[in-house]
N, C-alpha and C. Protein backbone atom coordinates (compact mmCIF):
# COMPACT_ATOMS: atom_id res chain seq x y z
N UNK A 1 26.97 12.93 52.76
CA UNK A 1 27.62 12.15 52.01
C UNK A 1 27.47 10.44 51.89
N UNK A 2 26.25 10.21 52.95
CA UNK A 2 25.93 8.91 52.72
C UNK A 2 24.47 9.04 51.75
N UNK A 3 24.18 10.29 51.85
CA UNK A 3 22.92 10.22 50.92
C UNK A 3 23.52 10.01 49.06
N UNK A 4 24.69 10.97 48.98
CA UNK A 4 25.39 10.86 47.63
C UNK A 4 25.57 9.08 47.18
N UNK A 5 26.12 8.38 48.11
CA UNK A 5 26.40 7.11 48.41
C UNK A 5 25.03 6.17 47.58
N UNK A 6 23.97 6.72 48.41
CA UNK A 6 22.96 5.93 48.23
C UNK A 6 22.60 6.17 46.55
N UNK A 7 22.18 7.34 46.34
CA UNK A 7 21.79 7.72 45.20
C UNK A 7 22.67 7.32 44.23
N UNK A 8 23.97 6.91 44.26
CA UNK A 8 25.06 6.51 43.50
C UNK A 8 24.75 5.04 43.33
N UNK A 9 24.48 4.56 44.50
CA UNK A 9 23.86 3.13 44.28
C UNK A 9 23.02 2.48 43.59
N UNK A 10 21.44 3.87 43.80
CA UNK A 10 20.42 3.44 42.99
C UNK A 10 20.51 3.78 41.53
N UNK A 11 21.56 4.80 41.37
CA UNK A 11 21.78 5.05 39.76
C UNK A 11 22.30 3.71 39.74
N UNK A 12 22.90 3.29 39.86
CA UNK A 12 23.71 1.84 39.52
C UNK A 12 23.10 0.62 39.19
N UNK A 13 22.09 0.46 40.27
CA UNK A 13 21.15 -0.36 40.24
C UNK A 13 20.15 -0.20 39.04
N UNK A 14 19.65 1.14 38.83
CA UNK A 14 18.74 1.22 38.07
C UNK A 14 18.81 0.96 36.31
N UNK A 15 20.96 1.84 36.04
CA UNK A 15 21.43 1.13 35.08
C UNK A 15 21.40 -0.45 34.82
N UNK A 16 21.61 -1.42 36.13
CA UNK A 16 21.61 -2.58 35.77
C UNK A 16 20.23 -3.19 35.37
N UNK A 17 19.49 -2.82 35.77
CA UNK A 17 17.82 -3.27 35.79
C UNK A 17 17.62 -3.06 34.10
N UNK A 18 18.18 -1.58 33.72
CA UNK A 18 17.52 -1.60 32.28
C UNK A 18 18.31 -2.18 31.23
N UNK A 19 19.58 -2.46 31.66
CA UNK A 19 20.41 -3.60 30.75
C UNK A 19 20.22 -4.81 31.07
N UNK A 20 19.51 -5.18 31.79
CA UNK A 20 19.14 -6.47 31.78
C UNK A 20 17.75 -6.63 30.82
N UNK A 21 16.91 -5.53 31.33
CA UNK A 21 15.81 -6.01 30.50
C UNK A 21 15.90 -5.39 28.97
N UNK A 22 17.18 -4.64 28.66
CA UNK A 22 17.21 -4.61 27.32
C UNK A 22 18.07 -6.37 26.35
N UNK A 23 18.87 -6.70 27.38
CA UNK A 23 19.19 -8.18 27.26
C UNK A 23 18.12 -8.91 26.87
N UNK A 24 17.27 -9.09 28.09
CA UNK A 24 15.96 -9.95 28.07
C UNK A 24 15.22 -9.65 26.58
N UNK A 25 14.71 -8.62 26.58
CA UNK A 25 14.28 -8.17 25.16
C UNK A 25 14.93 -8.69 24.01
N UNK A 26 16.17 -8.30 23.70
CA UNK A 26 16.85 -8.66 22.77
C UNK A 26 16.87 -10.44 22.46
N UNK A 27 16.93 -10.88 23.54
CA UNK A 27 16.84 -12.51 23.61
C UNK A 27 15.49 -12.86 22.90
N UNK A 28 14.65 -12.15 23.11
CA UNK A 28 13.08 -12.47 23.31
C UNK A 28 12.78 -12.41 21.81
N UNK A 29 13.44 -11.43 21.12
CA UNK A 29 12.83 -11.13 19.75
C UNK A 29 13.38 -12.19 18.61
N UNK A 30 12.52 -12.37 17.64
CA UNK A 30 12.34 -13.46 17.00
C UNK A 30 13.28 -12.91 15.48
N UNK A 31 14.24 -13.50 15.35
CA UNK A 31 14.94 -12.90 14.01
C UNK A 31 15.14 -13.99 13.14
N UNK A 32 14.32 -13.58 11.94
CA UNK A 32 14.50 -15.08 10.97
C UNK A 32 16.10 -15.33 10.62
N UNK A 33 15.99 -16.41 10.61
CA UNK A 33 17.30 -17.14 10.04
C UNK A 33 17.70 -17.18 8.88
N UNK A 34 18.62 -16.41 8.01
CA UNK A 34 19.33 -16.57 6.64
C UNK A 34 20.94 -16.87 6.76
N UNK A 35 21.10 -17.09 5.50
CA UNK A 35 22.39 -17.47 5.15
C UNK A 35 23.01 -15.75 4.84
N UNK A 36 24.15 -16.03 5.62
CA UNK A 36 25.07 -14.98 5.88
C UNK A 36 26.50 -15.36 5.15
N UNK A 37 27.40 -14.47 4.57
CA UNK A 37 28.79 -14.44 4.20
C UNK A 37 29.57 -13.96 5.42
N UNK A 38 29.77 -14.59 6.03
CA UNK A 38 30.44 -14.40 7.46
C UNK A 38 32.03 -13.37 7.08
N UNK A 39 32.50 -13.64 6.27
CA UNK A 39 33.79 -12.71 6.07
C UNK A 39 32.65 -11.59 5.54
N UNK A 40 32.37 -10.93 5.03
CA UNK A 40 31.22 -9.85 4.65
C UNK A 40 30.89 -9.13 5.95
N UNK A 41 30.42 -9.87 6.91
CA UNK A 41 30.02 -9.59 8.29
C UNK A 41 31.09 -8.71 8.94
N UNK A 42 32.48 -9.85 9.23
CA UNK A 42 33.56 -9.24 9.83
C UNK A 42 34.15 -8.05 9.35
N UNK A 43 34.21 -8.51 8.10
CA UNK A 43 34.74 -6.92 7.20
C UNK A 43 34.05 -5.52 7.54
N UNK A 44 32.54 -5.76 7.80
CA UNK A 44 32.20 -4.48 8.04
C UNK A 44 32.13 -3.90 9.58
N UNK A 45 32.08 -5.03 10.17
CA UNK A 45 32.49 -4.46 11.63
C UNK A 45 33.86 -4.23 11.90
N UNK A 46 34.96 -4.76 11.29
CA UNK A 46 36.45 -3.83 11.66
C UNK A 46 36.68 -2.58 10.66
N UNK A 47 35.99 -2.64 9.44
CA UNK A 47 35.64 -1.36 8.68
C UNK A 47 34.87 -0.21 9.66
N UNK A 48 34.13 -0.75 10.52
CA UNK A 48 33.39 0.44 11.47
C UNK A 48 34.63 0.60 12.47
N UNK A 49 35.11 -0.17 13.27
CA UNK A 49 36.48 0.28 14.11
C UNK A 49 37.24 1.16 13.20
N UNK A 50 37.76 0.50 12.12
CA UNK A 50 38.84 1.54 11.17
C UNK A 50 38.31 2.61 11.18
N UNK A 51 37.04 3.01 11.19
CA UNK A 51 36.45 4.36 10.68
C UNK A 51 36.73 5.30 12.21
N UNK A 52 36.48 4.67 13.27
CA UNK A 52 36.46 4.87 14.43
C UNK A 52 37.92 5.57 14.94
N UNK A 53 39.13 4.83 13.92
CA UNK A 53 40.19 5.10 14.28
C UNK A 53 41.03 4.42 14.97
N UNK A 54 40.37 2.99 15.26
CA UNK A 54 40.95 1.91 15.93
C UNK A 54 41.54 0.81 15.32
N UNK A 55 42.64 0.08 15.52
CA UNK A 55 43.50 -0.76 14.75
C UNK A 55 42.82 -1.68 14.68
N UNK A 56 42.23 -2.41 13.53
CA UNK A 56 41.56 -3.64 13.85
C UNK A 56 41.64 -4.24 12.33
N UNK A 57 41.93 -5.39 12.52
CA UNK A 57 42.36 -5.78 10.96
C UNK A 57 41.48 -7.27 10.91
N UNK A 58 41.13 -7.57 9.40
CA UNK A 58 40.30 -9.01 9.54
C UNK A 58 40.88 -9.68 8.04
N UNK A 59 41.34 -11.09 8.30
CA UNK A 59 41.79 -11.74 7.11
C UNK A 59 40.70 -13.17 7.26
N UNK A 60 40.29 -13.08 6.04
CA UNK A 60 39.26 -14.68 5.83
C UNK A 60 39.59 -14.99 4.52
N UNK A 61 39.75 -16.30 4.56
CA UNK A 61 40.24 -17.24 3.52
C UNK A 61 39.19 -17.61 2.58
N UNK A 62 38.62 -18.83 2.34
CA UNK A 62 37.89 -19.31 1.37
C UNK A 62 36.38 -18.30 2.18
N UNK A 63 35.24 -18.30 1.40
CA UNK A 63 33.81 -17.73 1.33
C UNK A 63 33.10 -18.55 2.37
N UNK A 64 32.63 -17.82 3.76
CA UNK A 64 32.08 -18.96 4.45
C UNK A 64 30.43 -18.58 4.40
N UNK A 65 29.71 -19.26 3.61
CA UNK A 65 28.15 -19.17 4.12
C UNK A 65 27.43 -19.50 5.38
N UNK A 66 27.13 -18.83 5.98
CA UNK A 66 26.76 -19.51 7.55
C UNK A 66 25.04 -19.33 7.61
N UNK A 67 24.47 -20.54 8.00
CA UNK A 67 22.95 -19.92 8.63
C UNK A 67 22.75 -19.45 9.57
N UNK A 68 22.19 -18.43 9.93
CA UNK A 68 22.39 -17.54 11.20
C UNK A 68 21.29 -16.61 11.17
N UNK A 69 21.27 -15.82 12.44
CA UNK A 69 20.61 -14.67 12.49
C UNK A 69 21.40 -13.69 12.76
N UNK A 70 21.54 -12.58 11.54
CA UNK A 70 22.91 -12.06 11.16
C UNK A 70 23.19 -10.80 11.94
N UNK A 71 21.84 -10.31 12.37
CA UNK A 71 21.80 -9.02 13.48
C UNK A 71 22.10 -9.26 14.63
N UNK A 72 21.88 -10.57 15.02
CA UNK A 72 22.44 -11.12 16.63
C UNK A 72 23.65 -11.79 16.24
N UNK A 73 24.03 -12.31 15.24
CA UNK A 73 25.48 -12.79 15.58
C UNK A 73 26.67 -11.32 14.98
N UNK A 74 25.81 -10.42 14.66
CA UNK A 74 26.57 -9.03 14.29
C UNK A 74 26.93 -8.65 15.77
N UNK A 75 26.00 -8.65 16.48
CA UNK A 75 26.24 -8.16 17.75
C UNK A 75 26.77 -8.77 18.69
N UNK A 76 26.71 -10.22 18.82
CA UNK A 76 28.05 -11.01 19.52
C UNK A 76 29.39 -10.55 18.97
N UNK A 77 29.41 -10.65 17.84
CA UNK A 77 31.05 -10.40 17.15
C UNK A 77 31.59 -8.57 17.45
N UNK A 78 30.41 -8.10 17.67
CA UNK A 78 30.38 -6.24 17.67
C UNK A 78 31.25 -6.66 19.22
N UNK A 79 30.58 -7.13 20.01
CA UNK A 79 30.74 -7.20 21.61
C UNK A 79 31.90 -7.80 21.64
N UNK A 80 32.76 -8.68 20.98
CA UNK A 80 34.06 -9.13 21.48
C UNK A 80 35.24 -8.29 20.59
N UNK A 81 34.90 -7.79 19.84
CA UNK A 81 35.62 -6.75 19.08
C UNK A 81 36.38 -5.42 19.72
N UNK A 82 34.80 -4.95 20.53
CA UNK A 82 34.92 -3.79 20.86
C UNK A 82 35.18 -3.98 22.62
N UNK A 83 35.34 -5.41 23.47
CA UNK A 83 36.12 -5.68 24.42
C UNK A 83 37.61 -5.88 24.01
N UNK A 84 37.85 -6.36 23.14
CA UNK A 84 39.14 -6.46 22.42
C UNK A 84 39.95 -5.07 22.42
N UNK A 85 39.27 -4.16 21.69
CA UNK A 85 39.73 -2.88 21.63
C UNK A 85 40.09 -2.42 22.69
N UNK A 86 38.94 -1.95 23.65
CA UNK A 86 38.81 -1.37 24.66
C UNK A 86 40.04 -1.67 25.64
N UNK A 87 39.96 -2.87 25.90
CA UNK A 87 41.51 -3.75 26.97
C UNK A 87 42.90 -4.11 26.33
N UNK A 88 42.62 -4.11 24.89
CA UNK A 88 43.66 -4.43 23.95
C UNK A 88 44.01 -3.87 22.78
N UNK A 89 43.81 -2.88 22.49
CA UNK A 89 43.93 -1.66 22.05
C UNK A 89 43.93 -1.91 21.00
N UNK A 90 44.44 -3.37 20.37
CA UNK A 90 44.49 -3.55 18.95
C UNK A 90 43.67 -4.91 18.38
N UNK A 91 42.94 -5.20 17.32
CA UNK A 91 42.47 -6.42 17.14
C UNK A 91 42.69 -7.11 16.08
N UNK A 92 42.90 -8.63 15.50
CA UNK A 92 42.89 -8.95 14.74
C UNK A 92 41.72 -10.06 14.69
N UNK A 93 41.19 -10.64 13.66
CA UNK A 93 40.27 -11.03 13.52
C UNK A 93 40.40 -12.23 12.05
N UNK A 94 40.37 -13.55 12.45
CA UNK A 94 40.25 -14.21 11.39
C UNK A 94 39.04 -15.35 11.25
N UNK A 95 38.95 -15.59 10.18
CA UNK A 95 37.94 -17.22 9.93
C UNK A 95 38.31 -17.93 8.89
N UNK A 96 37.85 -19.04 9.26
CA UNK A 96 37.94 -20.06 8.09
C UNK A 96 37.11 -21.35 8.77
N UNK A 97 37.29 -22.61 7.92
CA UNK A 97 36.61 -23.54 8.24
C UNK A 97 37.55 -24.33 8.40
N UNK A 98 36.87 -25.67 9.49
CA UNK A 98 37.21 -26.49 10.00
C UNK A 98 36.70 -27.43 10.57
N UNK A 99 36.60 -28.78 10.10
CA UNK A 99 35.60 -29.72 10.62
C UNK A 99 34.18 -29.55 10.41
N UNK A 100 33.84 -28.55 9.64
CA UNK A 100 32.39 -28.67 9.30
C UNK A 100 32.04 -27.45 10.20
N UNK A 101 32.72 -26.41 10.63
CA UNK A 101 32.39 -25.42 11.45
C UNK A 101 32.91 -24.32 11.27
N UNK A 102 32.79 -23.25 11.46
CA UNK A 102 32.85 -21.82 11.06
C UNK A 102 33.94 -21.29 11.84
N UNK A 103 34.92 -20.70 11.90
CA UNK A 103 35.67 -20.82 13.08
C UNK A 103 36.09 -19.50 13.20
N UNK A 104 35.62 -18.31 14.06
CA UNK A 104 36.37 -17.17 14.08
C UNK A 104 37.17 -16.99 15.44
N UNK A 105 38.14 -16.32 15.04
CA UNK A 105 39.47 -15.70 16.09
C UNK A 105 39.36 -14.47 16.20
N UNK A 106 39.32 -13.52 17.33
CA UNK A 106 39.41 -12.56 17.84
C UNK A 106 40.87 -11.75 18.46
N UNK A 107 41.53 -11.70 18.22
CA UNK A 107 42.74 -11.52 19.11
C UNK A 107 42.95 -9.97 19.34
N UNK A 108 43.65 -9.72 20.44
CA UNK A 108 43.53 -8.44 21.07
C UNK A 108 45.44 -8.31 21.57
N UNK A 109 45.98 -7.36 21.71
CA UNK A 109 47.55 -7.11 22.30
C UNK A 109 47.25 -6.75 23.82
N UNK A 110 45.94 -7.01 24.66
CA UNK A 110 45.99 -6.61 25.82
C UNK A 110 46.94 -7.50 26.86
N UNK A 111 47.03 -7.42 27.83
CA UNK A 111 47.14 -7.96 29.03
C UNK A 111 46.73 -9.58 29.41
N UNK A 112 45.59 -9.64 28.67
CA UNK A 112 45.09 -11.07 28.94
C UNK A 112 43.95 -11.12 30.06
N UNK A 113 43.32 -12.23 30.54
CA UNK A 113 42.83 -12.37 31.93
C UNK A 113 43.54 -13.42 32.46
N UNK A 114 43.36 -13.04 34.11
CA UNK A 114 43.78 -14.27 34.78
C UNK A 114 43.13 -15.42 34.69
N UNK A 115 43.88 -16.79 34.50
CA UNK A 115 43.65 -17.71 34.19
C UNK A 115 41.86 -18.08 35.11
N UNK A 116 42.44 -17.99 36.22
CA UNK A 116 41.08 -18.43 37.13
C UNK A 116 40.05 -17.73 36.91
N UNK A 117 39.92 -16.58 36.09
CA UNK A 117 38.62 -15.92 35.85
C UNK A 117 38.23 -15.90 34.29
N UNK A 118 38.84 -16.57 33.40
CA UNK A 118 38.16 -16.73 32.10
C UNK A 118 36.92 -17.33 31.64
N UNK A 119 36.49 -18.49 32.86
CA UNK A 119 35.02 -18.57 32.53
C UNK A 119 34.39 -17.60 33.37
N UNK A 120 34.83 -17.14 34.30
CA UNK A 120 33.98 -16.48 35.27
C UNK A 120 33.31 -15.11 34.36
N UNK A 121 34.02 -14.48 33.26
CA UNK A 121 33.36 -13.27 32.56
C UNK A 121 32.72 -13.25 31.98
N UNK A 122 32.08 -14.95 31.60
CA UNK A 122 30.82 -15.04 30.92
C UNK A 122 29.63 -15.04 31.67
N UNK A 123 30.11 -14.54 32.57
CA UNK A 123 28.72 -14.57 33.49
C UNK A 123 27.95 -13.07 33.73
N UNK A 124 26.58 -13.16 33.64
CA UNK A 124 26.04 -11.61 33.97
C UNK A 124 26.75 -10.94 35.01
N UNK A 125 27.11 -9.55 34.78
CA UNK A 125 27.17 -9.11 36.14
C UNK A 125 28.73 -9.36 36.57
N UNK A 126 29.29 -9.76 35.91
CA UNK A 126 30.74 -9.86 36.29
C UNK A 126 31.47 -9.27 35.68
N UNK A 127 32.43 -8.75 36.63
CA UNK A 127 33.64 -7.45 35.42
C UNK A 127 34.76 -7.43 36.22
N UNK A 128 35.81 -7.63 35.43
CA UNK A 128 37.06 -7.90 36.29
C UNK A 128 37.64 -6.08 36.63
N UNK A 129 37.14 -5.25 35.84
CA UNK A 129 37.51 -3.77 36.02
C UNK A 129 37.01 -3.45 37.27
N UNK A 130 37.74 -3.08 38.38
CA UNK A 130 37.09 -3.09 39.95
C UNK A 130 36.40 -2.08 40.09
N UNK A 131 36.80 -0.94 39.24
CA UNK A 131 36.01 0.64 39.54
C UNK A 131 34.73 0.42 39.30
N UNK A 132 33.77 1.28 40.09
CA UNK A 132 32.23 0.93 39.74
C UNK A 132 31.65 1.78 38.90
N UNK A 133 32.92 2.63 38.10
CA UNK A 133 32.43 3.24 36.71
C UNK A 133 32.08 2.53 35.64
N UNK A 134 30.75 3.17 34.78
CA UNK A 134 30.48 2.64 33.88
C UNK A 134 31.18 2.75 32.84
N UNK A 135 31.73 3.84 32.80
CA UNK A 135 32.72 4.45 31.69
C UNK A 135 33.68 3.63 31.29
N UNK A 136 34.56 2.66 32.48
CA UNK A 136 35.58 1.85 32.39
C UNK A 136 35.29 0.53 32.19
N UNK A 137 34.47 0.53 33.18
CA UNK A 137 33.81 -1.05 33.36
C UNK A 137 32.64 -1.88 33.13
N UNK A 138 31.65 -0.81 32.36
CA UNK A 138 30.01 -1.13 32.17
C UNK A 138 29.56 -1.88 33.38
N UNK A 139 28.65 -2.67 32.98
CA UNK A 139 27.83 -3.44 34.10
C UNK A 139 28.18 -4.77 33.75
N UNK A 140 28.78 -5.31 32.91
CA UNK A 140 29.19 -6.72 33.29
C UNK A 140 28.31 -7.62 32.43
N UNK A 141 27.51 -6.95 31.22
CA UNK A 141 26.78 -7.85 30.29
C UNK A 141 27.75 -8.11 29.05
N UNK A 142 28.85 -7.61 28.82
CA UNK A 142 29.88 -7.54 27.72
C UNK A 142 30.10 -9.16 27.32
N UNK A 143 30.33 -9.67 27.77
CA UNK A 143 30.43 -11.14 27.20
C UNK A 143 29.58 -11.91 27.47
N UNK A 144 28.23 -11.50 28.18
CA UNK A 144 27.83 -12.79 28.40
C UNK A 144 26.60 -12.70 27.40
N UNK A 145 26.27 -11.46 26.68
CA UNK A 145 25.32 -11.27 25.53
C UNK A 145 26.03 -12.21 24.12
N UNK A 146 27.47 -11.94 24.21
CA UNK A 146 27.87 -12.66 22.68
C UNK A 146 27.73 -14.23 23.13
N UNK A 147 28.01 -14.70 24.46
CA UNK A 147 28.07 -16.05 24.75
C UNK A 147 26.64 -16.61 24.45
N UNK A 148 25.73 -15.82 24.89
CA UNK A 148 24.02 -16.31 24.59
C UNK A 148 23.79 -16.44 23.34
N UNK A 149 24.20 -15.43 22.48
CA UNK A 149 23.98 -15.55 20.78
C UNK A 149 24.38 -16.72 20.26
N UNK A 150 26.13 -16.76 20.68
CA UNK A 150 26.60 -17.71 20.02
C UNK A 150 26.07 -19.20 20.61
N UNK A 151 25.55 -19.40 21.60
CA UNK A 151 24.97 -20.52 21.93
C UNK A 151 23.43 -20.93 21.28
N UNK A 152 22.89 -20.06 21.27
CA UNK A 152 21.61 -19.50 20.42
C UNK A 152 21.81 -20.23 18.79
N UNK A 153 22.93 -20.16 18.51
CA UNK A 153 23.22 -20.30 17.25
C UNK A 153 24.25 -22.10 17.32
N UNK A 154 23.92 -22.81 18.29
CA UNK A 154 24.79 -24.19 18.13
C UNK A 154 26.00 -23.61 18.32
N UNK A 155 26.45 -22.63 18.50
CA UNK A 155 28.04 -22.75 18.61
C UNK A 155 28.94 -22.81 20.20
N UNK A 156 30.08 -22.66 20.14
CA UNK A 156 30.73 -22.21 21.33
C UNK A 156 31.79 -21.24 21.41
N UNK A 157 32.25 -20.82 22.59
CA UNK A 157 33.15 -19.56 22.85
C UNK A 157 34.10 -20.13 23.74
N UNK A 158 35.29 -19.80 23.72
CA UNK A 158 36.11 -19.85 24.34
C UNK A 158 37.38 -19.03 24.34
N UNK A 159 37.91 -18.75 25.57
CA UNK A 159 38.68 -17.58 25.69
C UNK A 159 40.16 -18.27 26.05
N UNK A 160 40.73 -17.52 25.65
CA UNK A 160 42.34 -17.81 26.23
C UNK A 160 43.59 -17.29 26.22
N UNK A 161 44.49 -16.97 26.83
CA UNK A 161 45.72 -16.23 26.93
C UNK A 161 46.26 -16.90 25.60
N UNK A 162 47.32 -16.02 25.03
CA UNK A 162 47.81 -16.12 24.34
C UNK A 162 49.69 -16.34 24.45
N UNK A 163 50.14 -17.04 24.18
CA UNK A 163 51.51 -17.27 25.10
C UNK A 163 52.32 -16.14 24.49
N UNK A 164 52.27 -15.59 23.39
CA UNK A 164 52.83 -14.23 22.91
C UNK A 164 52.10 -12.72 23.78
N UNK A 165 51.50 -13.07 24.65
CA UNK A 165 50.44 -11.86 24.91
C UNK A 165 49.28 -11.80 24.14
N UNK A 166 48.27 -11.03 25.15
CA UNK A 166 46.56 -10.87 24.31
C UNK A 166 45.82 -11.99 24.54
N UNK A 167 44.98 -11.77 24.69
CA UNK A 167 43.55 -12.72 24.61
C UNK A 167 43.08 -13.02 23.40
N UNK A 168 42.64 -14.31 23.09
CA UNK A 168 42.08 -14.81 22.22
C UNK A 168 40.66 -15.61 22.19
N UNK A 169 39.75 -15.09 21.78
CA UNK A 169 38.30 -15.20 21.65
C UNK A 169 38.04 -16.78 20.35
N UNK A 170 37.97 -17.66 20.81
CA UNK A 170 37.66 -18.70 19.54
C UNK A 170 36.20 -18.87 19.44
N UNK A 171 35.46 -18.79 18.42
CA UNK A 171 33.66 -18.80 18.65
C UNK A 171 33.84 -20.22 16.88
N UNK A 172 33.35 -21.15 17.42
CA UNK A 172 33.11 -22.28 16.64
C UNK A 172 31.24 -22.02 16.41
N UNK A 173 30.93 -22.21 15.03
CA UNK A 173 29.41 -22.14 14.52
C UNK A 173 28.88 -23.52 13.38
N UNK A 174 28.45 -24.28 14.12
CA UNK A 174 28.20 -25.37 12.87
C UNK A 174 27.65 -24.37 11.49
N UNK A 175 28.42 -24.98 10.57
CA UNK A 175 28.05 -24.58 8.91
C UNK A 175 26.53 -25.10 8.48
N UNK A 176 25.83 -26.35 8.91
CA UNK A 176 24.83 -26.64 8.43
C UNK A 176 23.67 -27.04 9.43
N UNK A 177 22.62 -26.59 9.75
CA UNK A 177 21.63 -26.85 10.76
C UNK A 177 20.72 -27.94 10.29
């Protein structure tokens, strides 16, 4: 019995190490910044989720051209959207311009996050889901990755529980660099 627990712990540690190395490698890769259509990027991500049978909608107003590293930014938004679907079943995405910033809101219909844990979930290896199963809880890099990418773009991310239920992730990115 103890041997099985030790093997399980070692497997978990190996998975955490591999994820950390992938995370560090991705951060170290130098993707060239270019102008990207934020609405098209978000629509492609929503379309991917719809193709998988998930309830994911996107609403964009005016066309927003954003100087960014598009592959990295797509990864950040994909992580946020997938978390919303995993824990909140349905996701709605909106994008707009406000005070010289692109503002993306990703809202889900889940239970939200306890107020005292809202900032903790951005830290590496923090999981709210208590099981040790990577299938249900992962290893806790899900929100550390988008925060790192968004900060690297000069942006900010905030999580908040919505009064009518669910969680909202608000991402603000500068339009000019």
